Structures are given as C-alpha cells and as structure tokens.
C-alpha cells in the first residue's frame, strides 16, 4: 500500500521522511493511517 508520511520515522532500518510517499505493507499502513502518522495515497488507474 502506498502512503504519504505526516511524520518522519524509521521503518525496517530505512528513514521515511514527512511529506514523501512510500510503499509499505498493508497492515502497517492501516495502523499508521489510523494513528494519523500517514495518509493513504489514492492510485490513479492508467487504463482510463
């Protein structure tokens, strides 16, 4: 799942910066979104 970070954090040894988008596993993404640490990025379909 792709998320846009609201805060800077370390995740699996990588530094994730606020304001940038990252691909992370869905379970973690849902926890972060619920905690307001990140926002879900809406993927736009290229088929349209």
Protein backbone atom coordinates (compact mmCIF):
# COMPACT_ATOMS: atom_id res chain seq x y z
CA UNK A 1 0.00 0.00 0.00
CA UNK A 2 1.31 3.46 -0.84
CA UNK A 3 1.23 6.12 1.90
CA UNK A 4 2.30 9.74 2.28
CA UNK A 5 4.04 10.28 5.60
CA UNK A 6 2.88 13.02 8.01
CA UNK A 7 5.90 12.48 10.29
CA UNK A 8 9.47 11.28 9.93
CA UNK A 9 10.12 7.76 11.22
CA UNK A 10 12.44 4.80 10.88
CA UNK A 11 10.98 1.64 9.37
CA UNK A 12 12.99 -1.58 8.87
CA UNK A 13 16.22 0.41 9.09
CA UNK A 14 15.12 3.00 6.49
CA UNK A 15 14.38 6.65 7.21
CA UNK A 16 10.92 7.65 5.98
CA UNK A 17 10.57 11.41 5.68
CA UNK A 18 7.46 13.53 6.23
CA UNK A 19 5.75 14.64 3.01
CA UNK A 20 7.15 11.82 0.87
CA UNK A 21 5.37 8.73 -0.47
CA UNK A 22 6.43 5.17 0.32
CA UNK A 23 5.22 1.65 -0.45
CA UNK A 24 4.74 -0.36 2.77
CA UNK A 25 2.81 -3.45 3.78
CA UNK A 26 -0.95 -3.02 4.15
CA UNK A 27 -1.19 -3.99 7.84
CA UNK A 28 1.38 -1.39 8.89
CA UNK A 29 -0.13 1.21 6.56
CA UNK A 30 -3.59 0.82 8.12
CA UNK A 31 -2.15 1.27 11.64
CA UNK A 32 -0.24 4.39 10.58
CA UNK A 33 -3.30 5.88 8.84
CA UNK A 34 -5.47 5.22 11.92
CA UNK A 35 -2.80 6.89 14.09
CA UNK A 36 -2.51 9.87 11.71
CA UNK A 37 1.17 9.09 11.06
CA UNK A 38 0.44 8.76 7.34
CA UNK A 39 -2.27 9.24 4.71
CA UNK A 40 -3.27 6.73 2.05
CA UNK A 41 -2.23 7.70 -1.47
CA UNK A 42 -5.02 7.14 -3.99
CA UNK A 43 -3.59 5.34 -7.02
CA UNK A 44 -4.93 6.58 -10.37
CA UNK A 45 -5.63 3.84 -12.88
CA UNK A 46 -3.69 4.18 -16.14
CA UNK A 47 -6.42 2.29 -18.01
CA UNK A 48 -8.67 5.35 -18.20
